[in-house]
């Protein structure tokens, strides 16, 4: 499925928050886009954040400001993976525009 955020042939790359469980979140990633970076945070198929930032640093800072109080313990630091190309189905299942409503 092609969404308004992607074009045919566009390589999709994300940086995954590897310790999202420490924040009690199902899925957190930053998607690299031609126009910047998209922070997507979801829990139980509910979108908690879907915002665009001009820099990767801005997206990471925004995550920390929005969700640092959710951490199970004080002092938890976000641990991001390097950017990589995820499985298309995995990414599609986690993009807010593809969430199913019941």
C-alpha atoms as a PDB file:
ATOM      1  CA  UNK A   1       0.000   0.000   0.000  1.00  0.00           C
ATOM      2  CA  UNK A   2       1.387   3.390  -1.000  1.00  0.00           C
ATOM      3  CA  UNK A   3       0.654   6.124   1.514  1.00  0.00           C
ATOM      4  CA  UNK A   4       0.857   9.874   1.302  1.00  0.00           C
ATOM      5  CA  UNK A   5       4.248   9.608   3.066  1.00  0.00           C
ATOM      6  CA  UNK A   6       5.983   7.438   0.511  1.00  0.00           C
ATOM      7  CA  UNK A   7       6.507   7.183  -3.201  1.00  0.00           C
ATOM      8  CA  UNK A   8       7.145   4.242  -5.486  1.00  0.00           C
ATOM      9  CA  UNK A   9      10.739   3.076  -5.203  1.00  0.00           C
ATOM     10  CA  UNK A  10      11.521   5.137  -2.109  1.00  0.00           C
ATOM     11  CA  UNK A  11      13.839   3.245   0.213  1.00  0.00           C
ATOM     12  CA  UNK A  12      12.472   3.341   3.738  1.00  0.00           C
ATOM     13  CA  UNK A  13      14.949   3.616   6.599  1.00  0.00           C
ATOM     14  CA  UNK A  14      14.258   3.783  10.292  1.00  0.00           C
ATOM     15  CA  UNK A  15      16.080   4.046  13.592  1.00  0.00           C
ATOM     16  CA  UNK A  16      14.295   1.895  16.173  1.00  0.00           C
ATOM     17  CA  UNK A  17      14.147   2.703  19.876  1.00  0.00           C
ATOM     18  CA  UNK A  18      15.614  -0.561  21.099  1.00  0.00           C
ATOM     19  CA  UNK A  19      14.583  -0.102  24.720  1.00  0.00           C
ATOM     20  CA  UNK A  20      10.986   1.056  24.124  1.00  0.00           C
ATOM     21  CA  UNK A  21       9.794  -1.471  26.698  1.00  0.00           C
ATOM     22  CA  UNK A  22      11.477   0.638  29.404  1.00  0.00           C
ATOM     23  CA  UNK A  23       9.025   3.403  28.468  1.00  0.00           C
ATOM     24  CA  UNK A  24       6.012   1.042  28.414  1.00  0.00           C
ATOM     25  CA  UNK A  25       5.598   1.601  24.656  1.00  0.00           C
ATOM     26  CA  UNK A  26       5.014  -0.985  21.933  1.00  0.00           C
ATOM     27  CA  UNK A  27       6.714   0.735  19.032  1.00  0.00           C
ATOM     28  CA  UNK A  28       8.949   3.783  18.685  1.00  0.00           C
ATOM     29  CA  UNK A  29      10.953   4.639  15.598  1.00  0.00           C
ATOM     30  CA  UNK A  30      12.247   7.555  13.583  1.00  0.00           C
ATOM     31  CA  UNK A  31      11.678   7.264   9.867  1.00  0.00           C
ATOM     32  CA  UNK A  32      14.117   9.002   7.539  1.00  0.00           C
ATOM     33  CA  UNK A  33      12.185  11.075   4.979  1.00  0.00           C
ATOM     34  CA  UNK A  34      13.390  13.312   2.126  1.00  0.00           C
ATOM     35  CA  UNK A  35      12.017  16.332   3.997  1.00  0.00           C
ATOM     36  CA  UNK A  36      13.368  15.363   7.430  1.00  0.00           C
ATOM     37  CA  UNK A  37      12.571  12.824  10.125  1.00  0.00           C
ATOM     38  CA  UNK A  38       9.269  11.389  11.307  1.00  0.00           C
ATOM     39  CA  UNK A  39       8.924  10.298  14.936  1.00  0.00           C
ATOM     40  CA  UNK A  40       6.258   7.606  15.352  1.00  0.00           C
ATOM     41  CA  UNK A  41       5.271   6.396  18.820  1.00  0.00           C
ATOM     42  CA  UNK A  42       2.465   3.901  19.360  1.00  0.00           C
ATOM     43  CA  UNK A  43       1.095   1.652  22.032  1.00  0.00           C
ATOM     44  CA  UNK A  44      -1.608  -0.960  21.520  1.00  0.00           C
ATOM     45  CA  UNK A  45      -2.314   0.333  17.988  1.00  0.00           C
ATOM     46  CA  UNK A  46      -2.923   3.826  19.405  1.00  0.00           C
ATOM     47  CA  UNK A  47      -0.816   6.684  18.032  1.00  0.00           C
ATOM     48  CA  UNK A  48       0.816   8.676  20.808  1.00  0.00           C
ATOM     49  CA  UNK A  49       3.047  10.773  18.526  1.00  0.00           C
ATOM     50  CA  UNK A  50       3.416  11.182  14.771  1.00  0.00           C
ATOM     51  CA  UNK A  51       5.467  14.294  14.147  1.00  0.00           C
ATOM     52  CA  UNK A  52       8.039  15.549  11.655  1.00  0.00           C
ATOM     53  CA  UNK A  53      11.343  17.241  12.509  1.00  0.00           C
ATOM     54  CA  UNK A  54      14.022  18.758  10.284  1.00  0.00           C
ATOM     55  CA  UNK A  55      16.852  16.908  12.071  1.00  0.00           C
ATOM     56  CA  UNK A  56      17.393  13.524  13.691  1.00  0.00           C
ATOM     57  CA  UNK A  57      18.592  15.321  16.802  1.00  0.00           C
ATOM     58  CA  UNK A  58      15.296  17.234  16.972  1.00  0.00           C
ATOM     59  CA  UNK A  59      13.283  14.016  16.729  1.00  0.00           C
ATOM     60  CA  UNK A  60      15.313  12.352  19.488  1.00  0.00           C
ATOM     61  CA  UNK A  61      15.032  15.390  21.767  1.00  0.00           C
ATOM     62  CA  UNK A  62      11.284  15.517  21.154  1.00  0.00           C
ATOM     63  CA  UNK A  63      10.938  11.869  22.166  1.00  0.00           C
ATOM     64  CA  UNK A  64      12.856  12.502  25.377  1.00  0.00           C
ATOM     65  CA  UNK A  65      10.768  15.576  26.232  1.00  0.00           C
ATOM     66  CA  UNK A  66       7.482  13.821  25.506  1.00  0.00           C
ATOM     67  CA  UNK A  67       8.136  10.415  27.064  1.00  0.00           C
ATOM     68  CA  UNK A  68      10.979  10.555  29.615  1.00  0.00           C
ATOM     69  CA  UNK A  69       8.459  10.582  32.471  1.00  0.00           C
ATOM     70  CA  UNK A  70       7.046   7.269  31.186  1.00  0.00           C
ATOM     71  CA  UNK A  71      10.315   5.462  31.922  1.00  0.00           C
ATOM     72  CA  UNK A  72      10.022   2.720  34.510  1.00  0.00           C
ATOM     73  CA  UNK A  73      13.019   4.095  36.378  1.00  0.00           C
ATOM     74  CA  UNK A  74      14.633   7.494  36.688  1.00  0.00           C
ATOM     75  CA  UNK A  75      17.743   7.944  34.557  1.00  0.00           C
ATOM     76  CA  UNK A  76      16.727   5.653  31.696  1.00  0.00           C
ATOM     77  CA  UNK A  77      18.305   6.802  28.426  1.00  0.00           C
ATOM     78  CA  UNK A  78      16.824   6.162  24.981  1.00  0.00           C
ATOM     79  CA  UNK A  79      18.913   3.675  23.000  1.00  0.00           C
ATOM     80  CA  UNK A  80      18.425   4.067  19.225  1.00  0.00           C
ATOM     81  CA  UNK A  81      19.536   1.600  16.562  1.00  0.00           C
ATOM     82  CA  UNK A  82      21.474   2.803  13.517  1.00  0.00           C
ATOM     83  CA  UNK A  83      19.271   3.533  10.500  1.00  0.00           C
ATOM     84  CA  UNK A  84      18.354   0.403   8.551  1.00  0.00           C
ATOM     85  CA  UNK A  85      15.752  -0.770   6.020  1.00  0.00           C
ATOM     86  CA  UNK A  86      13.038  -2.670   7.901  1.00  0.00           C
ATOM     87  CA  UNK A  87      10.816  -5.378   6.494  1.00  0.00           C
ATOM     88  CA  UNK A  88       8.044  -3.649   4.525  1.00  0.00           C
ATOM     89  CA  UNK A  89       5.272  -5.550   6.311  1.00  0.00           C
ATOM     90  CA  UNK A  90       6.723  -4.751   9.746  1.00  0.00           C
ATOM     91  CA  UNK A  91       6.834  -1.054   8.888  1.00  0.00           C
ATOM     92  CA  UNK A  92       3.386  -1.063   7.302  1.00  0.00           C
ATOM     93  CA  UNK A  93       1.922  -2.654  10.433  1.00  0.00           C
ATOM     94  CA  UNK A  94       3.314   0.188  12.560  1.00  0.00           C
ATOM     95  CA  UNK A  95       2.518   3.245  10.436  1.00  0.00           C
ATOM     96  CA  UNK A  96      -0.450   5.127  11.893  1.00  0.00           C
ATOM     97  CA  UNK A  97      -2.213   5.505   8.546  1.00  0.00           C
ATOM     98  CA  UNK A  98      -2.375   1.703   8.311  1.00  0.00           C
ATOM     99  CA  UNK A  99      -3.742   1.061  11.800  1.00  0.00           C
ATOM    100  CA  UNK A 100      -7.024  -0.799  11.843  1.00  0.00           C
ATOM    101  CA  UNK A 101      -9.801   0.613  13.963  1.00  0.00           C
ATOM    102  CA  UNK A 102     -12.154  -1.801  15.691  1.00  0.00           C
END
